[in-house]
Amino acid sequence: MKQIEVNVDQSTLVLDKGAQALKDAVTAIRNAMRAGTASTKGKGEVAGSNKKPWKQKGTGNARAGFRQSPVWRGGGVAHGPKPRDFSQKINKKVMKLAFARALSEKISSGDVIVVDEFKFEAPKTKLMAAFLKSLGVDRTAIIVQKEVDETTLLVTSNLPRVDYSTAEALDVYSLMIAKKVVCDQAGFDVLLSRLAK
């Protein structure tokens, strides 16, 4: 395994447009990750009697109709959250443009490292850690291959700041949160083909 130099035609990079598409895509992906399960009970859902706490007039207290009132302790919640779906629809062309912009920025800033191949003698996490250190990768990174290799996946899985993906499945959000993209030659070719589409 060794780092190789690759030449990318600058005309294929998308750096003059797609900033808004990138923002919209990342926002949509992050919203889709939200569980949307927060839920509270309104005054009609809280357990309790419908009996009037005290008579309307003559007690000196403010009038009250039921114990489930939101202004009472133990009452319902006014305008509280209910389960909802936060997902947003993003057009395919917008998502493609966002990916092209994100990948182009990574390439132009030199944050994409290409190696000839990933080959480990055993599925040991320390082997991947040592390899990344030799490449100068000391921050969050994502390993990209053309096809899933079980050994590479295993040596990556226990590293807390290192993610793994195939080149075809790599999404905009994963690309953006990784400081470095480390891919093999075959995986990089797939990324370039996605950029050219």
N, C-alpha and C. Protein backbone atom coordinates (compact mmCIF):
# COMPACT_ATOMS: atom_id res chain seq x y z
N MET A 1 0.84 -1.20 0.00
CA MET A 1 0.00 0.00 0.00
C MET A 1 0.88 1.24 0.00
N LYS A 2 0.65 2.10 -0.97
CA LYS A 2 1.41 3.35 -1.02
C LYS A 2 0.57 4.43 -1.69
N GLN A 3 0.87 5.66 -1.34
CA GLN A 3 0.16 6.80 -1.93
C GLN A 3 0.63 7.02 -3.35
N ILE A 4 -0.31 7.35 -4.23
CA ILE A 4 0.04 7.61 -5.62
C ILE A 4 -0.45 9.01 -6.02
N GLU A 5 0.24 9.58 -6.97
CA GLU A 5 -0.13 10.90 -7.47
C GLU A 5 -1.17 10.74 -8.58
N VAL A 6 -2.20 11.56 -8.54
CA VAL A 6 -3.23 11.52 -9.58
C VAL A 6 -3.42 12.93 -10.15
N ASN A 7 -3.64 12.98 -11.44
CA ASN A 7 -3.87 14.26 -12.09
C ASN A 7 -5.34 14.36 -12.48
N VAL A 8 -5.98 15.42 -12.02
CA VAL A 8 -7.40 15.63 -12.30
C VAL A 8 -7.54 16.87 -13.18
N ASP A 9 -8.27 16.71 -14.26
CA ASP A 9 -8.53 17.84 -15.15
C ASP A 9 -9.36 18.89 -14.41
N GLN A 10 -8.78 20.07 -14.27
CA GLN A 10 -9.46 21.13 -13.51
C GLN A 10 -10.79 21.55 -14.12
N SER A 11 -10.93 21.33 -15.42
CA SER A 11 -12.19 21.71 -16.08
C SER A 11 -13.36 20.83 -15.66
N THR A 12 -13.06 19.66 -15.10
CA THR A 12 -14.14 18.76 -14.67
C THR A 12 -14.65 19.12 -13.27
N LEU A 13 -13.88 19.92 -12.53
CA LEU A 13 -14.30 20.29 -11.18
C LEU A 13 -15.41 21.33 -11.21
N VAL A 14 -16.33 21.20 -10.27
CA VAL A 14 -17.47 22.13 -10.18
C VAL A 14 -17.25 23.02 -8.96
N LEU A 15 -16.70 24.21 -9.21
CA LEU A 15 -16.39 25.13 -8.12
C LEU A 15 -17.10 26.47 -8.24
N ASP A 16 -17.75 26.69 -9.39
CA ASP A 16 -18.38 27.98 -9.64
C ASP A 16 -19.87 27.98 -9.37
N LYS A 17 -20.43 26.84 -8.99
CA LYS A 17 -21.86 26.76 -8.70
C LYS A 17 -22.11 25.60 -7.73
N GLY A 18 -23.32 25.54 -7.22
CA GLY A 18 -23.70 24.41 -6.37
C GLY A 18 -23.60 24.65 -4.88
N ALA A 19 -23.25 25.89 -4.48
CA ALA A 19 -23.12 26.16 -3.04
C ALA A 19 -24.48 26.02 -2.34
N GLN A 20 -25.53 26.55 -2.95
CA GLN A 20 -26.86 26.44 -2.35
C GLN A 20 -27.37 25.01 -2.38
N ALA A 21 -27.07 24.30 -3.48
CA ALA A 21 -27.47 22.89 -3.59
C ALA A 21 -26.80 22.07 -2.50
N LEU A 22 -25.53 22.39 -2.21
CA LEU A 22 -24.79 21.67 -1.16
C LEU A 22 -25.42 21.92 0.21
N LYS A 23 -25.78 23.16 0.48
CA LYS A 23 -26.42 23.49 1.75
C LYS A 23 -27.76 22.77 1.89
N ASP A 24 -28.56 22.79 0.81
CA ASP A 24 -29.88 22.15 0.85
C ASP A 24 -29.75 20.64 1.05
N ALA A 25 -28.76 20.03 0.39
CA ALA A 25 -28.58 18.58 0.47
C ALA A 25 -28.17 18.17 1.89
N VAL A 26 -27.21 18.90 2.48
CA VAL A 26 -26.75 18.58 3.83
C VAL A 26 -27.88 18.77 4.84
N THR A 27 -28.67 19.85 4.66
CA THR A 27 -29.80 20.10 5.56
C THR A 27 -30.82 18.97 5.46
N ALA A 28 -31.11 18.53 4.23
CA ALA A 28 -32.08 17.45 4.03
C ALA A 28 -31.60 16.14 4.65
N ILE A 29 -30.32 15.83 4.47
CA ILE A 29 -29.77 14.58 5.02
C ILE A 29 -29.79 14.62 6.55
N ARG A 30 -29.41 15.76 7.13
CA ARG A 30 -29.43 15.87 8.59
C ARG A 30 -30.85 15.80 9.14
N ASN A 31 -31.81 16.40 8.43
CA ASN A 31 -33.20 16.33 8.87
C ASN A 31 -33.74 14.91 8.80
N ALA A 32 -33.31 14.16 7.78
CA ALA A 32 -33.77 12.77 7.63
C ALA A 32 -33.24 11.89 8.76
N MET A 33 -32.13 12.31 9.39
CA MET A 33 -31.57 11.55 10.50
C MET A 33 -32.36 11.75 11.80
N ARG A 34 -33.16 12.80 11.85
CA ARG A 34 -33.89 13.10 13.09
C ARG A 34 -34.97 12.06 13.34
N ALA A 35 -35.09 11.65 14.59
CA ALA A 35 -36.08 10.62 14.94
C ALA A 35 -37.50 11.15 14.85
N GLY A 36 -37.70 12.38 15.28
CA GLY A 36 -39.03 12.97 15.24
C GLY A 36 -40.01 12.27 16.16
N THR A 37 -39.53 11.74 17.29
CA THR A 37 -40.39 10.97 18.19
C THR A 37 -40.80 11.74 19.44
N ALA A 38 -40.38 12.99 19.57
CA ALA A 38 -40.75 13.79 20.74
C ALA A 38 -42.27 13.93 20.81
N SER A 39 -42.84 13.68 21.97
CA SER A 39 -44.30 13.71 22.09
C SER A 39 -44.72 14.15 23.49
N THR A 40 -45.72 15.01 23.56
CA THR A 40 -46.28 15.42 24.85
C THR A 40 -47.80 15.26 24.80
N LYS A 41 -48.44 15.23 25.97
CA LYS A 41 -49.89 15.08 26.05
C LYS A 41 -50.56 16.45 26.19
N GLY A 42 -51.58 16.65 25.41
CA GLY A 42 -52.37 17.87 25.52
C GLY A 42 -53.38 17.75 26.63
N LYS A 43 -54.17 18.80 26.84
CA LYS A 43 -55.13 18.79 27.95
C LYS A 43 -56.21 17.73 27.76
N GLY A 44 -56.46 17.32 26.55
CA GLY A 44 -57.48 16.30 26.31
C GLY A 44 -56.95 14.89 26.46
N GLU A 45 -55.60 14.74 26.60
CA GLU A 45 -54.99 13.41 26.69
C GLU A 45 -54.51 13.07 28.10
N VAL A 46 -54.40 14.07 28.95
CA VAL A 46 -53.94 13.83 30.32
C VAL A 46 -55.06 13.17 31.13
N ALA A 47 -54.66 12.16 31.91
CA ALA A 47 -55.65 11.46 32.74
C ALA A 47 -56.19 12.40 33.82
N GLY A 48 -57.48 12.32 34.08
CA GLY A 48 -58.06 13.17 35.12
C GLY A 48 -59.57 13.25 34.97
N SER A 49 -60.20 13.77 35.98
CA SER A 49 -61.66 13.88 36.01
C SER A 49 -62.12 15.12 35.25
N ASN A 50 -63.34 15.08 34.78
CA ASN A 50 -63.94 16.25 34.16
C ASN A 50 -64.70 17.12 35.17
N LYS A 51 -64.57 16.75 36.44
CA LYS A 51 -65.28 17.49 37.48
C LYS A 51 -64.67 18.87 37.67
N LYS A 52 -65.51 19.85 37.88
CA LYS A 52 -65.05 21.21 38.13
C LYS A 52 -64.41 21.25 39.52
N PRO A 53 -63.14 21.76 39.66
CA PRO A 53 -62.44 21.72 40.95
C PRO A 53 -63.19 22.43 42.08
N TRP A 54 -63.76 23.56 41.80
CA TRP A 54 -64.60 24.27 42.77
C TRP A 54 -65.66 25.06 42.02
N LYS A 55 -66.64 25.54 42.77
CA LYS A 55 -67.75 26.23 42.10
C LYS A 55 -67.26 27.52 41.43
N GLN A 56 -68.03 27.97 40.48
CA GLN A 56 -67.62 29.09 39.64
C GLN A 56 -67.43 30.38 40.45
N LYS A 57 -68.34 30.64 41.38
CA LYS A 57 -68.31 31.95 42.05
C LYS A 57 -68.30 31.79 43.58
N GLY A 58 -67.79 32.78 44.24
CA GLY A 58 -67.94 32.84 45.68
C GLY A 58 -66.78 32.34 46.51
N THR A 59 -65.81 31.67 45.90
CA THR A 59 -64.70 31.13 46.69
C THR A 59 -63.53 32.11 46.81
N GLY A 60 -63.47 33.08 45.95
CA GLY A 60 -62.32 34.00 45.93
C GLY A 60 -61.21 33.51 45.02
N ASN A 61 -61.27 32.24 44.61
CA ASN A 61 -60.27 31.71 43.67
C ASN A 61 -60.63 32.10 42.24
N ALA A 62 -59.64 32.04 41.37
CA ALA A 62 -59.93 32.23 39.95
C ALA A 62 -60.78 31.07 39.47
N ARG A 63 -61.65 31.33 38.51
CA ARG A 63 -62.52 30.25 38.01
C ARG A 63 -61.68 29.17 37.31
N ALA A 64 -62.06 27.93 37.51
CA ALA A 64 -61.35 26.80 36.90
C ALA A 64 -62.36 25.76 36.47
N GLY A 65 -62.13 25.20 35.28
CA GLY A 65 -63.09 24.24 34.74
C GLY A 65 -62.64 22.80 34.85
N PHE A 66 -61.32 22.56 34.83
CA PHE A 66 -60.84 21.17 34.88
C PHE A 66 -59.39 21.16 35.32
N ARG A 67 -58.99 20.02 35.88
CA ARG A 67 -57.65 19.91 36.45
C ARG A 67 -56.57 19.69 35.38
N GLN A 68 -56.97 19.39 34.16
CA GLN A 68 -55.98 19.10 33.11
C GLN A 68 -55.52 20.37 32.39
N SER A 69 -55.89 21.52 32.89
CA SER A 69 -55.52 22.79 32.26
C SER A 69 -53.99 22.94 32.15
N PRO A 70 -53.49 23.44 31.05
CA PRO A 70 -52.04 23.61 30.89
C PRO A 70 -51.41 24.53 31.92
N VAL A 71 -52.18 25.38 32.56
CA VAL A 71 -51.60 26.29 33.55
C VAL A 71 -51.46 25.63 34.91
N TRP A 72 -51.98 24.43 35.07
CA TRP A 72 -51.89 23.71 36.34
C TRP A 72 -50.75 22.70 36.31
N ARG A 73 -50.15 22.49 37.48
CA ARG A 73 -49.13 21.45 37.60
C ARG A 73 -49.77 20.10 37.36
N GLY A 74 -49.14 19.28 36.50
CA GLY A 74 -49.70 17.98 36.16
C GLY A 74 -50.71 18.03 35.04
N GLY A 75 -50.94 19.23 34.51
CA GLY A 75 -51.88 19.38 33.41
C GLY A 75 -51.24 19.07 32.06
N GLY A 76 -52.01 19.30 31.00
CA GLY A 76 -51.50 19.05 29.66
C GLY A 76 -50.49 20.11 29.23
N VAL A 77 -49.82 19.84 28.13
CA VAL A 77 -48.84 20.77 27.58
C VAL A 77 -49.47 21.52 26.42
N ALA A 78 -49.40 22.83 26.47
CA ALA A 78 -49.97 23.63 25.38
C ALA A 78 -48.99 23.73 24.22
N HIS A 79 -49.44 23.37 23.04
CA HIS A 79 -48.64 23.46 21.81
C HIS A 79 -47.34 22.66 21.90
N GLY A 80 -47.36 21.52 22.57
CA GLY A 80 -46.16 20.70 22.71
C GLY A 80 -45.86 19.91 21.44
N PRO A 81 -44.69 19.29 21.37
CA PRO A 81 -44.31 18.52 20.17
C PRO A 81 -45.10 17.22 20.04
N LYS A 82 -45.32 16.82 18.81
CA LYS A 82 -45.95 15.55 18.48
C LYS A 82 -45.06 14.82 17.48
N PRO A 83 -45.14 13.48 17.41
CA PRO A 83 -44.30 12.77 16.43
C PRO A 83 -44.51 13.30 15.02
N ARG A 84 -43.40 13.52 14.32
CA ARG A 84 -43.49 14.07 12.97
C ARG A 84 -42.31 13.60 12.13
N ASP A 85 -42.47 13.71 10.83
CA ASP A 85 -41.43 13.32 9.88
C ASP A 85 -40.72 14.58 9.41
N PHE A 86 -39.41 14.66 9.66
CA PHE A 86 -38.65 15.85 9.28
C PHE A 86 -38.04 15.76 7.88
N SER A 87 -38.21 14.65 7.20
CA SER A 87 -37.54 14.46 5.91
C SER A 87 -38.02 15.48 4.87
N GLN A 88 -37.09 15.83 3.99
CA GLN A 88 -37.37 16.77 2.93
C GLN A 88 -37.08 16.13 1.57
N LYS A 89 -37.80 16.57 0.57
CA LYS A 89 -37.57 16.05 -0.78
C LYS A 89 -36.50 16.90 -1.47
N ILE A 90 -35.52 16.22 -2.03
CA ILE A 90 -34.47 16.90 -2.79
C ILE A 90 -34.44 16.29 -4.19
N ASN A 91 -34.46 17.12 -5.21
CA ASN A 91 -34.41 16.62 -6.58
C ASN A 91 -33.08 15.93 -6.86
N LYS A 92 -33.11 14.93 -7.73
CA LYS A 92 -31.90 14.17 -8.05
C LYS A 92 -30.81 15.07 -8.63
N LYS A 93 -31.21 16.01 -9.48
CA LYS A 93 -30.21 16.90 -10.11
C LYS A 93 -29.54 17.79 -9.07
N VAL A 94 -30.32 18.23 -8.09
CA VAL A 94 -29.76 19.06 -7.02
C VAL A 94 -28.77 18.25 -6.19
N MET A 95 -29.12 17.00 -5.89
CA MET A 95 -28.24 16.14 -5.10
C MET A 95 -26.95 15.83 -5.87
N LYS A 96 -27.06 15.62 -7.19
CA LYS A 96 -25.87 15.37 -8.00
C LYS A 96 -24.96 16.60 -8.03
N LEU A 97 -25.57 17.77 -8.17
CA LEU A 97 -24.78 19.00 -8.18
C LEU A 97 -24.10 19.22 -6.84
N ALA A 98 -24.81 18.92 -5.75
CA ALA A 98 -24.23 19.06 -4.41
C ALA A 98 -23.04 18.13 -4.24
N PHE A 99 -23.16 16.89 -4.71
CA PHE A 99 -22.06 15.93 -4.61
C PHE A 99 -20.87 16.40 -5.43
N ALA A 100 -21.15 16.88 -6.64
CA ALA A 100 -20.07 17.36 -7.51
C ALA A 100 -19.33 18.52 -6.87
N ARG A 101 -20.07 19.43 -6.25
CA ARG A 101 -19.43 20.59 -5.59
C ARG A 101 -18.60 20.14 -4.39
N ALA A 102 -19.15 19.24 -3.58
CA ALA A 102 -18.44 18.77 -2.39
C ALA A 102 -17.15 18.04 -2.77
N LEU A 103 -17.24 17.15 -3.76
CA LEU A 103 -16.05 16.39 -4.18
C LEU A 103 -15.01 17.31 -4.82
N SER A 104 -15.49 18.27 -5.60
CA SER A 104 -14.58 19.21 -6.26
C SER A 104 -13.80 20.02 -5.24
N GLU A 105 -14.48 20.45 -4.17
CA GLU A 105 -13.80 21.21 -3.12
C GLU A 105 -12.75 20.37 -2.41
N LYS A 106 -13.09 19.09 -2.17
CA LYS A 106 -12.12 18.21 -1.50
C LYS A 106 -10.88 18.01 -2.38
N ILE A 107 -11.11 17.81 -3.68
CA ILE A 107 -9.98 17.58 -4.59
C ILE A 107 -9.13 18.83 -4.72
N SER A 108 -9.78 19.98 -4.90
CA SER A 108 -9.03 21.23 -5.10
C SER A 108 -8.24 21.65 -3.85
N SER A 109 -8.74 21.27 -2.68
CA SER A 109 -8.04 21.63 -1.44
C SER A 109 -7.00 20.59 -1.03
N GLY A 110 -6.87 19.51 -1.82
CA GLY A 110 -5.87 18.49 -1.54
C GLY A 110 -6.23 17.56 -0.41
N ASP A 111 -7.52 17.44 -0.13
CA ASP A 111 -7.97 16.58 0.97
C ASP A 111 -8.34 15.18 0.52
N VAL A 112 -8.08 14.85 -0.74
CA VAL A 112 -8.33 13.50 -1.25
C VAL A 112 -6.98 12.80 -1.44
N ILE A 113 -6.80 11.70 -0.73
CA ILE A 113 -5.56 10.92 -0.81
C ILE A 113 -5.87 9.61 -1.52
N VAL A 114 -5.10 9.32 -2.56
CA VAL A 114 -5.32 8.10 -3.35
C VAL A 114 -4.17 7.14 -3.11
N VAL A 115 -4.50 5.90 -2.79
CA VAL A 115 -3.50 4.84 -2.63
C VAL A 115 -3.75 3.78 -3.69
N ASP A 116 -2.73 2.99 -3.96
CA ASP A 116 -2.89 1.98 -5.03
C ASP A 116 -3.92 0.91 -4.64
N GLU A 117 -3.88 0.49 -3.37
CA GLU A 117 -4.85 -0.50 -2.89
C GLU A 117 -4.80 -0.56 -1.37
N PHE A 118 -5.86 -1.15 -0.79
CA PHE A 118 -5.87 -1.43 0.65
C PHE A 118 -5.64 -2.92 0.82
N LYS A 119 -4.54 -3.26 1.49
CA LYS A 119 -4.22 -4.67 1.68
C LYS A 119 -3.61 -4.85 3.06
N PHE A 120 -4.33 -5.56 3.92
CA PHE A 120 -3.87 -5.78 5.29
C PHE A 120 -3.69 -7.28 5.54
N GLU A 121 -2.63 -7.60 6.27
CA GLU A 121 -2.33 -9.01 6.53
C GLU A 121 -3.38 -9.64 7.44
N ALA A 122 -3.91 -8.86 8.38
CA ALA A 122 -4.90 -9.37 9.33
C ALA A 122 -5.86 -8.24 9.68
N PRO A 123 -7.07 -8.59 10.11
CA PRO A 123 -8.04 -7.55 10.48
C PRO A 123 -7.73 -6.91 11.83
N LYS A 124 -6.64 -6.15 11.88
CA LYS A 124 -6.21 -5.49 13.11
C LYS A 124 -6.36 -3.98 12.96
N THR A 125 -7.05 -3.39 13.92
CA THR A 125 -7.30 -1.95 13.87
C THR A 125 -6.01 -1.15 13.87
N LYS A 126 -5.00 -1.62 14.60
CA LYS A 126 -3.75 -0.87 14.71
C LYS A 126 -3.03 -0.77 13.36
N LEU A 127 -3.30 -1.70 12.45
CA LEU A 127 -2.67 -1.65 11.13
C LEU A 127 -3.21 -0.45 10.34
N MET A 128 -4.53 -0.26 10.39
CA MET A 128 -5.13 0.88 9.70
C MET A 128 -4.71 2.19 10.36
N ALA A 129 -4.66 2.20 11.70
CA ALA A 129 -4.25 3.40 12.42
C ALA A 129 -2.83 3.80 12.04
N ALA A 130 -1.94 2.81 11.94
CA ALA A 130 -0.55 3.09 11.57
C ALA A 130 -0.46 3.56 10.12
N PHE A 131 -1.27 2.97 9.27
CA PHE A 131 -1.25 3.35 7.85
C PHE A 131 -1.73 4.79 7.66
N LEU A 132 -2.81 5.16 8.35
CA LEU A 132 -3.32 6.52 8.26
C LEU A 132 -2.32 7.53 8.82
N LYS A 133 -1.64 7.13 9.88
CA LYS A 133 -0.62 8.02 10.47
C LYS A 133 0.52 8.24 9.49
N SER A 134 0.88 7.18 8.74
CA SER A 134 1.96 7.32 7.76
C SER A 134 1.56 8.24 6.61
N LEU A 135 0.24 8.34 6.37
CA LEU A 135 -0.26 9.24 5.32
C LEU A 135 -0.44 10.66 5.83
N GLY A 136 -0.27 10.86 7.13
CA GLY A 136 -0.45 12.18 7.71
C GLY A 136 -1.90 12.50 8.04
N VAL A 137 -2.73 11.47 8.14
CA VAL A 137 -4.15 11.67 8.45
C VAL A 137 -4.32 11.53 9.96
N ASP A 138 -4.56 12.66 10.63
CA ASP A 138 -4.71 12.63 12.09
C ASP A 138 -6.06 13.21 12.52
N ARG A 139 -6.96 13.41 11.56
CA ARG A 139 -8.28 13.95 11.88
C ARG A 139 -9.35 13.03 11.30
N THR A 140 -10.60 13.46 11.31
CA THR A 140 -11.68 12.62 10.79
C THR A 140 -11.43 12.29 9.32
N ALA A 141 -11.69 11.06 8.96
CA ALA A 141 -11.44 10.62 7.59
C ALA A 141 -12.48 9.59 7.18
N ILE A 142 -12.59 9.38 5.88
CA ILE A 142 -13.47 8.34 5.36
C ILE A 142 -12.68 7.51 4.36
N ILE A 143 -12.78 6.20 4.50
CA ILE A 143 -12.11 5.27 3.60
C ILE A 143 -13.08 4.90 2.49
N VAL A 144 -12.65 5.03 1.26
CA VAL A 144 -13.53 4.77 0.11
C VAL A 144 -12.91 3.71 -0.79
N GLN A 145 -13.71 2.68 -1.09
CA GLN A 145 -13.28 1.63 -2.01
C GLN A 145 -14.34 1.42 -3.08
N LYS A 146 -13.93 0.81 -4.18
CA LYS A 146 -14.90 0.53 -5.25
C LYS A 146 -15.91 -0.50 -4.78
N GLU A 147 -15.43 -1.55 -4.12
CA GLU A 147 -16.30 -2.60 -3.59
C GLU A 147 -15.90 -2.88 -2.15
N VAL A 148 -16.86 -3.39 -1.38
CA VAL A 148 -16.61 -3.66 0.04
C VAL A 148 -15.58 -4.78 0.20
N ASP A 149 -14.53 -4.48 0.96
CA ASP A 149 -13.54 -5.48 1.31
C ASP A 149 -13.67 -5.75 2.81
N GLU A 150 -13.96 -6.97 3.17
CA GLU A 150 -14.25 -7.31 4.56
C GLU A 150 -13.09 -6.95 5.51
N THR A 151 -11.88 -7.24 5.09
CA THR A 151 -10.73 -6.96 5.96
C THR A 151 -10.57 -5.47 6.21
N THR A 152 -10.69 -4.68 5.14
CA THR A 152 -10.57 -3.23 5.27
C THR A 152 -11.70 -2.67 6.13
N LEU A 153 -12.89 -3.22 5.96
CA LEU A 153 -14.03 -2.78 6.76
C LEU A 153 -13.80 -3.07 8.24
N LEU A 154 -13.23 -4.24 8.54
CA LEU A 154 -12.99 -4.63 9.93
C LEU A 154 -11.91 -3.77 10.59
N VAL A 155 -10.83 -3.47 9.86
CA VAL A 155 -9.75 -2.69 10.46
C VAL A 155 -10.16 -1.22 10.64
N THR A 156 -11.24 -0.83 9.96
CA THR A 156 -11.72 0.56 10.05
C THR A 156 -12.79 0.73 11.13
N SER A 157 -13.55 -0.33 11.38
CA SER A 157 -14.77 -0.21 12.19
C SER A 157 -14.55 0.25 13.62
N ASN A 158 -13.38 -0.02 14.22
CA ASN A 158 -13.15 0.37 15.61
C ASN A 158 -12.45 1.72 15.78
N LEU A 159 -12.14 2.37 14.67
CA LEU A 159 -11.52 3.69 14.75
C LEU A 159 -12.62 4.74 14.90
N PRO A 160 -12.62 5.50 15.99
CA PRO A 160 -13.76 6.37 16.30
C PRO A 160 -14.00 7.50 15.30
N ARG A 161 -12.95 7.99 14.66
CA ARG A 161 -13.11 9.14 13.76
C ARG A 161 -12.91 8.77 12.29
N VAL A 162 -13.01 7.48 12.00
CA VAL A 162 -12.83 7.02 10.63
C VAL A 162 -14.08 6.28 10.17
N ASP A 163 -14.60 6.69 9.03
CA ASP A 163 -15.81 6.06 8.47
C ASP A 163 -15.41 5.25 7.24
N TYR A 164 -16.37 4.48 6.71
CA TYR A 164 -16.09 3.62 5.56
C TYR A 164 -17.27 3.67 4.60
N SER A 165 -16.97 3.66 3.30
CA SER A 165 -18.04 3.67 2.30
C SER A 165 -17.50 3.16 0.97
N THR A 166 -18.42 2.70 0.14
CA THR A 166 -18.04 2.40 -1.24
C THR A 166 -18.17 3.69 -2.04
N ALA A 167 -17.50 3.75 -3.17
CA ALA A 167 -17.49 4.97 -3.97
C ALA A 167 -18.88 5.29 -4.52
N GLU A 168 -19.63 4.27 -4.82
CA GLU A 168 -20.97 4.49 -5.39
C GLU A 168 -21.96 4.94 -4.32
N ALA A 169 -21.75 4.51 -3.09
CA ALA A 169 -22.70 4.82 -2.01
C ALA A 169 -22.32 6.07 -1.23
N LEU A 170 -21.16 6.65 -1.49
CA LEU A 170 -20.71 7.82 -0.74
C LEU A 170 -21.69 8.98 -0.93
N ASP A 171 -22.14 9.55 0.18
CA ASP A 171 -23.12 10.64 0.10
C ASP A 171 -22.47 11.98 0.45
N VAL A 172 -23.21 13.04 0.19
CA VAL A 172 -22.70 14.40 0.36
C VAL A 172 -22.32 14.68 1.82
N TYR A 173 -23.16 14.27 2.75
CA TYR A 173 -22.91 14.58 4.17
C TYR A 173 -21.64 13.90 4.68
N SER A 174 -21.47 12.62 4.35
CA SER A 174 -20.27 11.90 4.77
C SER A 174 -19.02 12.53 4.18
N LEU A 175 -19.16 13.00 2.95
CA LEU A 175 -18.04 13.65 2.27
C LEU A 175 -17.67 14.97 2.94
N MET A 176 -18.68 15.69 3.41
CA MET A 176 -18.43 17.00 3.99
C MET A 176 -17.85 16.93 5.40
N ILE A 177 -18.32 15.96 6.22
CA ILE A 177 -17.84 15.92 7.61
C ILE A 177 -16.45 15.31 7.74
N ALA A 178 -15.98 14.60 6.71
CA ALA A 178 -14.64 14.02 6.74
C ALA A 178 -13.62 15.07 6.33
N LYS A 179 -12.58 15.21 7.13
CA LYS A 179 -11.52 16.16 6.79
C LYS A 179 -10.65 15.61 5.66
N LYS A 180 -10.49 14.29 5.64
CA LYS A 180 -9.69 13.67 4.59
C LYS A 180 -10.47 12.51 3.96
N VAL A 181 -10.31 12.34 2.66
CA VAL A 181 -10.92 11.21 1.94
C VAL A 181 -9.77 10.35 1.44
N VAL A 182 -9.70 9.12 1.93
CA VAL A 182 -8.65 8.19 1.52
C VAL A 182 -9.28 7.08 0.70
N CYS A 183 -8.92 6.99 -0.57
CA CYS A 183 -9.54 5.99 -1.42
C CYS A 183 -8.50 5.26 -2.26
N ASP A 184 -8.86 4.07 -2.70
CA ASP A 184 -7.97 3.33 -3.58
C ASP A 184 -8.16 3.82 -5.02
N GLN A 185 -7.30 3.37 -5.91
CA GLN A 185 -7.33 3.86 -7.29
C GLN A 185 -8.67 3.56 -7.96
N ALA A 186 -9.18 2.35 -7.76
CA ALA A 186 -10.45 1.96 -8.39
C ALA A 186 -11.60 2.80 -7.84
N GLY A 187 -11.60 3.04 -6.53
CA GLY A 187 -12.64 3.85 -5.92
C GLY A 187 -12.59 5.29 -6.40
N PHE A 188 -11.37 5.82 -6.57
CA PHE A 188 -11.23 7.20 -7.05
C PHE A 188 -11.74 7.35 -8.47
N ASP A 189 -11.52 6.33 -9.29
CA ASP A 189 -12.03 6.36 -10.67
C ASP A 189 -13.55 6.42 -10.68
N VAL A 190 -14.19 5.70 -9.75
CA VAL A 190 -15.66 5.72 -9.67
C VAL A 190 -16.14 7.11 -9.24
N LEU A 191 -15.43 7.72 -8.29
CA LEU A 191 -15.79 9.07 -7.84
C LEU A 191 -15.67 10.07 -8.98
N LEU A 192 -14.63 9.93 -9.79
CA LEU A 192 -14.46 10.84 -10.94
C LEU A 192 -15.55 10.63 -11.97
N SER A 193 -15.98 9.37 -12.13
CA SER A 193 -17.07 9.11 -13.09
C SER A 193 -18.37 9.71 -12.60
N ARG A 194 -18.60 9.69 -11.27
CA ARG A 194 -19.79 10.33 -10.71
C ARG A 194 -19.71 11.85 -10.87
N LEU A 195 -18.52 12.38 -10.81
CA LEU A 195 -18.32 13.82 -10.97
C LEU A 195 -18.58 14.26 -12.40
N ALA A 196 -18.24 13.37 -13.36
CA ALA A 196 -18.38 13.72 -14.77
C ALA A 196 -19.81 13.59 -15.29
N LYS A 197 -20.68 12.88 -14.54
CA LYS A 197 -22.04 12.66 -15.03
C LYS A 197 -22.81 13.97 -15.08
